[in-house]
């Protein structure tokens, strides 16, 4: 079943709402480490913030990397790291190396 026909404005609004929900979900799930996201999905919060920054650049908008990360993390990245980031386990590192060797 395909999505109902909609105009470009409605589609953009729906996509923006879905993006905000994804960001909100990632902000709530501080227990999920970026390396886990990378190992399972091939992207993490940093990727999302980079995509945001890159898309802004296509519109002629310059967003510094720390500012883009704060949009996704909901706080400065260094603060998030200090509060929530854990050292990666040997298994997490091995999974990351295996996933990236395929690229």
C-alpha atoms as a PDB file:
ATOM      1  CA  UNK A   1       0.000   0.000   0.000  1.00  0.00           C
ATOM      2  CA  UNK A   2       1.459   3.359  -0.948  1.00  0.00           C
ATOM      3  CA  UNK A   3       1.206   6.592   0.966  1.00  0.00           C
ATOM      4  CA  UNK A   4      -1.743   8.789   0.069  1.00  0.00           C
ATOM      5  CA  UNK A   5      -1.109  11.461  -2.522  1.00  0.00           C
ATOM      6  CA  UNK A   6      -0.106  14.724  -0.959  1.00  0.00           C
ATOM      7  CA  UNK A   7       1.311  17.997  -2.021  1.00  0.00           C
ATOM      8  CA  UNK A   8       4.995  18.789  -1.514  1.00  0.00           C
ATOM      9  CA  UNK A   9       4.298  21.021   1.508  1.00  0.00           C
ATOM     10  CA  UNK A  10       2.369  18.289   3.316  1.00  0.00           C
ATOM     11  CA  UNK A  11       5.047  15.729   2.486  1.00  0.00           C
ATOM     12  CA  UNK A  12       7.751  18.030   3.849  1.00  0.00           C
ATOM     13  CA  UNK A  13       5.730  18.622   7.028  1.00  0.00           C
ATOM     14  CA  UNK A  14       5.304  14.871   7.543  1.00  0.00           C
ATOM     15  CA  UNK A  15       8.994  14.211   6.924  1.00  0.00           C
ATOM     16  CA  UNK A  16       9.955  17.003   9.329  1.00  0.00           C
ATOM     17  CA  UNK A  17       7.631  15.593  11.994  1.00  0.00           C
ATOM     18  CA  UNK A  18       9.122  12.124  11.553  1.00  0.00           C
ATOM     19  CA  UNK A  19      12.631  13.606  11.846  1.00  0.00           C
ATOM     20  CA  UNK A  20      11.674  15.406  15.069  1.00  0.00           C
ATOM     21  CA  UNK A  21      10.266  12.156  16.491  1.00  0.00           C
ATOM     22  CA  UNK A  22      13.452  10.270  15.555  1.00  0.00           C
ATOM     23  CA  UNK A  23      15.618  12.926  17.206  1.00  0.00           C
ATOM     24  CA  UNK A  24      13.372  12.923  20.277  1.00  0.00           C
ATOM     25  CA  UNK A  25      13.553   9.157  20.488  1.00  0.00           C
ATOM     26  CA  UNK A  26      17.351   9.188  20.243  1.00  0.00           C
ATOM     27  CA  UNK A  27      17.517  11.862  22.949  1.00  0.00           C
ATOM     28  CA  UNK A  28      15.411   9.696  25.262  1.00  0.00           C
ATOM     29  CA  UNK A  29      17.375   6.518  24.545  1.00  0.00           C
ATOM     30  CA  UNK A  30      20.677   7.632  26.016  1.00  0.00           C
ATOM     31  CA  UNK A  31      21.266   3.980  26.932  1.00  0.00           C
ATOM     32  CA  UNK A  32      21.747   3.190  23.248  1.00  0.00           C
ATOM     33  CA  UNK A  33      25.329   3.954  22.374  1.00  0.00           C
ATOM     34  CA  UNK A  34      26.361   5.339  18.992  1.00  0.00           C
ATOM     35  CA  UNK A  35      28.524   2.285  18.340  1.00  0.00           C
ATOM     36  CA  UNK A  36      25.428   0.087  18.814  1.00  0.00           C
ATOM     37  CA  UNK A  37      23.548   2.194  16.256  1.00  0.00           C
ATOM     38  CA  UNK A  38      26.480   1.969  13.843  1.00  0.00           C
ATOM     39  CA  UNK A  39      26.757  -1.789  14.258  1.00  0.00           C
ATOM     40  CA  UNK A  40      23.050  -2.403  13.760  1.00  0.00           C
ATOM     41  CA  UNK A  41      21.916   0.331  11.402  1.00  0.00           C
ATOM     42  CA  UNK A  42      25.052   1.764   9.814  1.00  0.00           C
ATOM     43  CA  UNK A  43      24.430   5.282  11.175  1.00  0.00           C
ATOM     44  CA  UNK A  44      24.457   7.067  14.509  1.00  0.00           C
ATOM     45  CA  UNK A  45      23.595  10.402  16.067  1.00  0.00           C
ATOM     46  CA  UNK A  46      26.771  11.938  14.634  1.00  0.00           C
ATOM     47  CA  UNK A  47      25.812  10.787  11.131  1.00  0.00           C
ATOM     48  CA  UNK A  48      22.367  12.313  11.560  1.00  0.00           C
ATOM     49  CA  UNK A  49      23.843  15.628  12.659  1.00  0.00           C
ATOM     50  CA  UNK A  50      26.273  15.563   9.723  1.00  0.00           C
ATOM     51  CA  UNK A  51      23.410  14.903   7.269  1.00  0.00           C
ATOM     52  CA  UNK A  52      21.514  17.821   8.799  1.00  0.00           C
ATOM     53  CA  UNK A  53      24.543  20.104   8.402  1.00  0.00           C
ATOM     54  CA  UNK A  54      25.161  18.939   4.830  1.00  0.00           C
ATOM     55  CA  UNK A  55      21.533  19.485   3.818  1.00  0.00           C
ATOM     56  CA  UNK A  56      21.640  22.969   5.341  1.00  0.00           C
ATOM     57  CA  UNK A  57      24.713  23.677   3.223  1.00  0.00           C
ATOM     58  CA  UNK A  58      22.774  22.765   0.063  1.00  0.00           C
ATOM     59  CA  UNK A  59      20.396  25.588   1.024  1.00  0.00           C
ATOM     60  CA  UNK A  60      23.268  28.011   1.571  1.00  0.00           C
ATOM     61  CA  UNK A  61      23.002  27.752   5.353  1.00  0.00           C
ATOM     62  CA  UNK A  62      26.207  27.241   7.300  1.00  0.00           C
ATOM     63  CA  UNK A  63      25.859  25.269  10.504  1.00  0.00           C
ATOM     64  CA  UNK A  64      28.956  24.454  12.509  1.00  0.00           C
ATOM     65  CA  UNK A  65      29.424  20.788  13.382  1.00  0.00           C
ATOM     66  CA  UNK A  66      29.026  21.389  17.158  1.00  0.00           C
ATOM     67  CA  UNK A  67      25.764  23.253  16.518  1.00  0.00           C
ATOM     68  CA  UNK A  68      24.402  20.465  14.308  1.00  0.00           C
ATOM     69  CA  UNK A  69      25.313  17.903  16.952  1.00  0.00           C
ATOM     70  CA  UNK A  70      23.539  19.947  19.619  1.00  0.00           C
ATOM     71  CA  UNK A  71      20.393  19.908  17.454  1.00  0.00           C
ATOM     72  CA  UNK A  72      20.465  16.103  17.454  1.00  0.00           C
ATOM     73  CA  UNK A  73      21.789  15.463  20.970  1.00  0.00           C
ATOM     74  CA  UNK A  74      19.736  18.183  22.670  1.00  0.00           C
ATOM     75  CA  UNK A  75      22.857  19.415  24.458  1.00  0.00           C
ATOM     76  CA  UNK A  76      26.484  20.065  23.603  1.00  0.00           C
ATOM     77  CA  UNK A  77      28.131  16.879  22.349  1.00  0.00           C
ATOM     78  CA  UNK A  78      30.880  16.981  25.001  1.00  0.00           C
ATOM     79  CA  UNK A  79      28.198  17.168  27.701  1.00  0.00           C
ATOM     80  CA  UNK A  80      26.355  14.172  26.209  1.00  0.00           C
ATOM     81  CA  UNK A  81      29.610  12.209  26.038  1.00  0.00           C
ATOM     82  CA  UNK A  82      30.412  12.953  29.680  1.00  0.00           C
ATOM     83  CA  UNK A  83      26.909  12.000  30.857  1.00  0.00           C
ATOM     84  CA  UNK A  84      26.053   9.017  28.668  1.00  0.00           C
ATOM     85  CA  UNK A  85      28.873   7.661  26.525  1.00  0.00           C
ATOM     86  CA  UNK A  86      30.450   4.460  27.774  1.00  0.00           C
ATOM     87  CA  UNK A  87      33.668   2.847  26.670  1.00  0.00           C
ATOM     88  CA  UNK A  88      33.000   0.443  23.836  1.00  0.00           C
ATOM     89  CA  UNK A  89      33.328  -3.230  24.703  1.00  0.00           C
ATOM     90  CA  UNK A  90      35.601  -5.557  22.768  1.00  0.00           C
ATOM     91  CA  UNK A  91      32.503  -7.102  21.141  1.00  0.00           C
ATOM     92  CA  UNK A  92      31.186  -3.669  20.105  1.00  0.00           C
ATOM     93  CA  UNK A  93      34.570  -2.724  18.624  1.00  0.00           C
ATOM     94  CA  UNK A  94      34.805  -6.041  16.777  1.00  0.00           C
ATOM     95  CA  UNK A  95      31.296  -5.567  15.370  1.00  0.00           C
ATOM     96  CA  UNK A  96      32.185  -2.059  14.242  1.00  0.00           C
ATOM     97  CA  UNK A  97      35.399  -3.255  12.575  1.00  0.00           C
ATOM     98  CA  UNK A  98      33.535  -6.084  10.836  1.00  0.00           C
ATOM     99  CA  UNK A  99      30.751  -3.796   9.597  1.00  0.00           C
ATOM    100  CA  UNK A 100      33.209  -1.227   8.281  1.00  0.00           C
ATOM    101  CA  UNK A 101      35.468  -3.806   6.623  1.00  0.00           C
ATOM    102  CA  UNK A 102      32.549  -4.587   4.284  1.00  0.00           C
ATOM    103  CA  UNK A 103      32.567  -1.001   2.979  1.00  0.00           C
END
